Amino acid sequence: MNDIDRDIGLVLLKRLRQRGFISEDIYHAARQSKVFDRKRFAGCGDSAAGTTDGDGEEI
């Protein structure tokens, strides 16, 4: 995954909130979760070689 994937996920999450499928509390909790943490995402130009999955294991 990269920053673009993260941004798409955030937009979809926002749409779910706008349409009333999730509460505002869930929306804010999800945005602040480690799933959307910017540090976990590689830049668009980064190679997958030598990167880790967040648990320190190489992917």
PDB file of N, CA and C in Angstrom:
ATOM      1  N   MET A   1       0.837  -1.181   0.000  1.00  0.00           N
ATOM      2  CA  MET A   1       0.000   0.000   0.000  1.00  0.00           C
ATOM      3  C   MET A   1       0.880   1.243   0.000  1.00  0.00           C
ATOM      4  N   ASN A   2       0.337   2.302  -0.532  1.00  0.00           N
ATOM      5  CA  ASN A   2       1.076   3.555  -0.566  1.00  0.00           C
ATOM      6  C   ASN A   2       0.161   4.701  -0.130  1.00  0.00           C
ATOM      7  N   ASP A   3       0.649   5.918  -0.251  1.00  0.00           N
ATOM      8  CA  ASP A   3      -0.126   7.088   0.172  1.00  0.00           C
ATOM      9  C   ASP A   3      -1.439   7.221  -0.591  1.00  0.00           C
ATOM     10  N   ILE A   4      -1.437   6.824  -1.849  1.00  0.00           N
ATOM     11  CA  ILE A   4      -2.667   6.921  -2.644  1.00  0.00           C
ATOM     12  C   ILE A   4      -3.725   5.967  -2.093  1.00  0.00           C
ATOM     13  N   ASP A   5      -3.309   4.749  -1.757  1.00  0.00           N
ATOM     14  CA  ASP A   5      -4.235   3.785  -1.160  1.00  0.00           C
ATOM     15  C   ASP A   5      -4.803   4.322   0.153  1.00  0.00           C
ATOM     16  N   ARG A   6      -3.936   4.936   0.943  1.00  0.00           N
ATOM     17  CA  ARG A   6      -4.361   5.511   2.223  1.00  0.00           C
ATOM     18  C   ARG A   6      -5.385   6.623   1.994  1.00  0.00           C
ATOM     19  N   ASP A   7      -5.099   7.498   1.042  1.00  0.00           N
ATOM     20  CA  ASP A   7      -6.010   8.608   0.755  1.00  0.00           C
ATOM     21  C   ASP A   7      -7.366   8.113   0.254  1.00  0.00           C
ATOM     22  N   ILE A   8      -7.357   7.095  -0.583  1.00  0.00           N
ATOM     23  CA  ILE A   8      -8.617   6.521  -1.071  1.00  0.00           C
ATOM     24  C   ILE A   8      -9.412   5.943   0.094  1.00  0.00           C
ATOM     25  N   GLY A   9      -8.729   5.249   0.983  1.00  0.00           N
ATOM     26  CA  GLY A   9      -9.393   4.693   2.162  1.00  0.00           C
ATOM     27  C   GLY A   9     -10.015   5.772   3.028  1.00  0.00           C
ATOM     28  N   LEU A  10      -9.311   6.877   3.199  1.00  0.00           N
ATOM     29  CA  LEU A  10      -9.844   7.978   4.001  1.00  0.00           C
ATOM     30  C   LEU A  10     -11.063   8.618   3.343  1.00  0.00           C
ATOM     31  N   VAL A  11     -11.036   8.743   2.023  1.00  0.00           N
ATOM     32  CA  VAL A  11     -12.191   9.300   1.308  1.00  0.00           C
ATOM     33  C   VAL A  11     -13.399   8.374   1.454  1.00  0.00           C
ATOM     34  N   LEU A  12     -13.175   7.077   1.303  1.00  0.00           N
ATOM     35  CA  LEU A  12     -14.275   6.124   1.461  1.00  0.00           C
ATOM     36  C   LEU A  12     -14.833   6.154   2.879  1.00  0.00           C
ATOM     37  N   LEU A  13     -13.950   6.264   3.855  1.00  0.00           N
ATOM     38  CA  LEU A  13     -14.382   6.359   5.244  1.00  0.00           C
ATOM     39  C   LEU A  13     -15.242   7.607   5.457  1.00  0.00           C
ATOM     40  N   LYS A  14     -14.822   8.721   4.867  1.00  0.00           N
ATOM     41  CA  LYS A  14     -15.577   9.969   4.984  1.00  0.00           C
ATOM     42  C   LYS A  14     -16.960   9.835   4.346  1.00  0.00           C
ATOM     43  N   ARG A  15     -17.025   9.163   3.202  1.00  0.00           N
ATOM     44  CA  ARG A  15     -18.316   8.960   2.523  1.00  0.00           C
ATOM     45  C   ARG A  15     -19.251   8.101   3.375  1.00  0.00           C
ATOM     46  N   LEU A  16     -18.705   7.077   4.020  1.00  0.00           N
ATOM     47  CA  LEU A  16     -19.528   6.254   4.910  1.00  0.00           C
ATOM     48  C   LEU A  16     -20.112   7.102   6.030  1.00  0.00           C
ATOM     49  N   ARG A  17     -19.308   8.010   6.565  1.00  0.00           N
ATOM     50  CA  ARG A  17     -19.775   8.901   7.627  1.00  0.00           C
ATOM     51  C   ARG A  17     -20.851   9.846   7.103  1.00  0.00           C
ATOM     52  N   GLN A  18     -20.632  10.423   5.935  1.00  0.00           N
ATOM     53  CA  GLN A  18     -21.589  11.371   5.372  1.00  0.00           C
ATOM     54  C   GLN A  18     -22.935  10.721   5.086  1.00  0.00           C
ATOM     55  N   ARG A  19     -22.921   9.467   4.720  1.00  0.00           N
ATOM     56  CA  ARG A  19     -24.167   8.767   4.392  1.00  0.00           C
ATOM     57  C   ARG A  19     -24.811   8.103   5.599  1.00  0.00           C
ATOM     58  N   GLY A  20     -24.196   8.237   6.753  1.00  0.00           N
ATOM     59  CA  GLY A  20     -24.787   7.734   7.979  1.00  0.00           C
ATOM     60  C   GLY A  20     -24.583   6.251   8.241  1.00  0.00           C
ATOM     61  N   PHE A  21     -23.656   5.622   7.518  1.00  0.00           N
ATOM     62  CA  PHE A  21     -23.399   4.200   7.732  1.00  0.00           C
ATOM     63  C   PHE A  21     -22.542   3.951   8.970  1.00  0.00           C
ATOM     64  N   ILE A  22     -21.742   4.949   9.355  1.00  0.00           N
ATOM     65  CA  ILE A  22     -20.945   4.846  10.576  1.00  0.00           C
ATOM     66  C   ILE A  22     -21.123   6.134  11.375  1.00  0.00           C
ATOM     67  N   SER A  23     -20.941   6.033  12.683  1.00  0.00           N
ATOM     68  CA  SER A  23     -21.090   7.211  13.540  1.00  0.00           C
ATOM     69  C   SER A  23     -19.840   8.084  13.467  1.00  0.00           C
ATOM     70  N   GLU A  24     -19.972   9.296  13.963  1.00  0.00           N
ATOM     71  CA  GLU A  24     -18.830  10.207  13.965  1.00  0.00           C
ATOM     72  C   GLU A  24     -17.719   9.679  14.871  1.00  0.00           C
ATOM     73  N   ASP A  25     -18.088   9.040  15.977  1.00  0.00           N
ATOM     74  CA  ASP A  25     -17.081   8.468  16.881  1.00  0.00           C
ATOM     75  C   ASP A  25     -16.266   7.382  16.180  1.00  0.00           C
ATOM     76  N   ILE A  26     -16.941   6.522  15.446  1.00  0.00           N
ATOM     77  CA  ILE A  26     -16.242   5.460  14.716  1.00  0.00           C
ATOM     78  C   ILE A  26     -15.369   6.066  13.627  1.00  0.00           C
ATOM     79  N   TYR A  27     -15.870   7.075  12.956  1.00  0.00           N
ATOM     80  CA  TYR A  27     -15.103   7.761  11.910  1.00  0.00           C
ATOM     81  C   TYR A  27     -13.793   8.315  12.467  1.00  0.00           C
ATOM     82  N   HIS A  28     -13.879   9.028  13.587  1.00  0.00           N
ATOM     83  CA  HIS A  28     -12.670   9.613  14.177  1.00  0.00           C
ATOM     84  C   HIS A  28     -11.726   8.545  14.711  1.00  0.00           C
ATOM     85  N   ALA A  29     -12.271   7.504  15.310  1.00  0.00           N
ATOM     86  CA  ALA A  29     -11.425   6.422  15.818  1.00  0.00           C
ATOM     87  C   ALA A  29     -10.693   5.723  14.672  1.00  0.00           C
ATOM     88  N   ALA A  30     -11.389   5.487  13.574  1.00  0.00           N
ATOM     89  CA  ALA A  30     -10.768   4.828  12.423  1.00  0.00           C
ATOM     90  C   ALA A  30      -9.678   5.701  11.817  1.00  0.00           C
ATOM     91  N   ARG A  31      -9.935   6.992  11.699  1.00  0.00           N
ATOM     92  CA  ARG A  31      -8.927   7.905  11.132  1.00  0.00           C
ATOM     93  C   ARG A  31      -7.662   7.942  11.972  1.00  0.00           C
ATOM     94  N   GLN A  32      -7.802   7.767  13.274  1.00  0.00           N
ATOM     95  CA  GLN A  32      -6.650   7.844  14.166  1.00  0.00           C
ATOM     96  C   GLN A  32      -6.008   6.483  14.418  1.00  0.00           C
ATOM     97  N   SER A  33      -6.549   5.431  13.813  1.00  0.00           N
ATOM     98  CA  SER A  33      -6.006   4.093  14.026  1.00  0.00           C
ATOM     99  C   SER A  33      -4.699   3.905  13.265  1.00  0.00           C
ATOM    100  N   LYS A  34      -3.981   2.839  13.607  1.00  0.00           N
ATOM    101  CA  LYS A  34      -2.708   2.576  12.939  1.00  0.00           C
ATOM    102  C   LYS A  34      -2.900   2.180  11.478  1.00  0.00           C
ATOM    103  N   VAL A  35      -4.107   1.802  11.100  1.00  0.00           N
ATOM    104  CA  VAL A  35      -4.383   1.451   9.705  1.00  0.00           C
ATOM    105  C   VAL A  35      -4.141   2.654   8.796  1.00  0.00           C
ATOM    106  N   PHE A  36      -4.496   3.843   9.262  1.00  0.00           N
ATOM    107  CA  PHE A  36      -4.343   5.050   8.450  1.00  0.00           C
ATOM    108  C   PHE A  36      -3.156   5.904   8.880  1.00  0.00           C
ATOM    109  N   ASP A  37      -2.272   5.358   9.702  1.00  0.00           N
ATOM    110  CA  ASP A  37      -1.087   6.086  10.145  1.00  0.00           C
ATOM    111  C   ASP A  37      -0.150   6.299   8.957  1.00  0.00           C
ATOM    112  N   ARG A  38       0.162   7.540   8.653  1.00  0.00           N
ATOM    113  CA  ARG A  38       0.980   7.884   7.486  1.00  0.00           C
ATOM    114  C   ARG A  38       2.358   7.221   7.532  1.00  0.00           C
ATOM    115  N   LYS A  39       2.893   6.958   8.717  1.00  0.00           N
ATOM    116  CA  LYS A  39       4.223   6.359   8.835  1.00  0.00           C
ATOM    117  C   LYS A  39       4.263   4.923   8.315  1.00  0.00           C
ATOM    118  N   ARG A  40       3.120   4.271   8.215  1.00  0.00           N
ATOM    119  CA  ARG A  40       3.072   2.879   7.761  1.00  0.00           C
ATOM    120  C   ARG A  40       3.047   2.753   6.243  1.00  0.00           C
ATOM    121  N   PHE A  41       2.896   3.862   5.540  1.00  0.00           N
ATOM    122  CA  PHE A  41       2.758   3.818   4.094  1.00  0.00           C
ATOM    123  C   PHE A  41       4.027   4.268   3.406  1.00  0.00           C
ATOM    124  N   ALA A  42       4.420   3.535   2.362  1.00  0.00           N
ATOM    125  CA  ALA A  42       5.583   3.905   1.563  1.00  0.00           C
ATOM    126  C   ALA A  42       5.165   4.977   0.566  1.00  0.00           C
ATOM    127  N   GLY A  43       6.095   5.798   0.169  1.00  0.00           N
ATOM    128  CA  GLY A  43       5.810   6.797  -0.851  1.00  0.00           C
ATOM    129  C   GLY A  43       5.551   6.133  -2.191  1.00  0.00           C
ATOM    130  N   CYS A  44       4.953   6.851  -3.115  1.00  0.00           N
ATOM    131  CA  CYS A  44       4.590   6.289  -4.418  1.00  0.00           C
ATOM    132  C   CYS A  44       5.803   5.784  -5.183  1.00  0.00           C
ATOM    133  N   GLY A  45       6.943   6.429  -5.029  1.00  0.00           N
ATOM    134  CA  GLY A  45       8.123   6.035  -5.782  1.00  0.00           C
ATOM    135  C   GLY A  45       8.983   5.010  -5.077  1.00  0.00           C
ATOM    136  N   ASP A  46       8.614   4.626  -3.864  1.00  0.00           N
ATOM    137  CA  ASP A  46       9.422   3.677  -3.107  1.00  0.00           C
ATOM    138  C   ASP A  46       9.272   2.275  -3.651  1.00  0.00           C
ATOM    139  N   SER A  47      10.357   1.559  -3.620  1.00  0.00           N
ATOM    140  CA  SER A  47      10.345   0.158  -4.027  1.00  0.00           C
ATOM    141  C   SER A  47       9.897  -0.694  -2.855  1.00  0.00           C
ATOM    142  N   ALA A  48       9.254  -1.806  -3.134  1.00  0.00           N
ATOM    143  CA  ALA A  48       8.803  -2.706  -2.075  1.00  0.00           C
ATOM    144  C   ALA A  48       9.965  -3.482  -1.477  1.00  0.00           C
ATOM    145  N   ALA A  49      11.074  -3.580  -2.182  1.00  0.00           N
ATOM    146  CA  ALA A  49      12.222  -4.337  -1.690  1.00  0.00           C
ATOM    147  C   ALA A  49      12.801  -3.661  -0.457  1.00  0.00           C
ATOM    148  N   GLY A  50      12.974  -4.441   0.592  1.00  0.00           N
ATOM    149  CA  GLY A  50      13.579  -3.927   1.806  1.00  0.00           C
ATOM    150  C   GLY A  50      12.619  -3.207   2.725  1.00  0.00           C
ATOM    151  N   THR A  51      11.344  -3.180   2.418  1.00  0.00           N
ATOM    152  CA  THR A  51      10.387  -2.531   3.298  1.00  0.00           C
ATOM    153  C   THR A  51       9.822  -3.549   4.266  1.00  0.00           C
ATOM    154  N   THR A  52       9.251  -3.059   5.352  1.00  0.00           N
ATOM    155  CA  THR A  52       8.682  -3.955   6.348  1.00  0.00           C
ATOM    156  C   THR A  52       7.188  -3.757   6.428  1.00  0.00           C
ATOM    157  N   ASP A  53       6.519  -4.713   7.064  1.00  0.00           N
ATOM    158  CA  ASP A  53       5.063  -4.672   7.148  1.00  0.00           C
ATOM    159  C   ASP A  53       4.550  -3.955   8.383  1.00  0.00           C
ATOM    160  N   GLY A  54       5.391  -3.274   9.114  1.00  0.00           N
ATOM    161  CA  GLY A  54       4.972  -2.562  10.307  1.00  0.00           C
ATOM    162  C   GLY A  54       5.283  -3.334  11.574  1.00  0.00           C
ATOM    163  N   ASP A  55       5.446  -4.642  11.466  1.00  0.00           N
ATOM    164  CA  ASP A  55       5.823  -5.465  12.607  1.00  0.00           C
ATOM    165  C   ASP A  55       7.304  -5.792  12.565  1.00  0.00           C
ATOM    166  N   GLY A  56       8.020  -5.178  11.636  1.00  0.00           N
ATOM    167  CA  GLY A  56       9.443  -5.407  11.508  1.00  0.00           C
ATOM    168  C   GLY A  56       9.806  -6.549  10.582  1.00  0.00           C
ATOM    169  N   GLU A  57       8.812  -7.232  10.045  1.00  0.00           N
ATOM    170  CA  GLU A  57       9.079  -8.340   9.139  1.00  0.00           C
ATOM    171  C   GLU A  57       9.137  -7.817   7.711  1.00  0.00           C
ATOM    172  N   GLU A  58      10.157  -8.250   6.982  1.00  0.00           N
ATOM    173  CA  GLU A  58      10.314  -7.781   5.610  1.00  0.00           C
ATOM    174  C   GLU A  58       9.239  -8.383   4.723  1.00  0.00           C
ATOM    175  N   ILE A  59       8.727  -7.547   3.815  1.00  0.00           N
ATOM    176  CA  ILE A  59       7.703  -8.036   2.876  1.00  0.00           C
ATOM    177  C   ILE A  59       8.279  -8.146   1.492  1.00  0.00           C
TER     178      ILE A  59
END
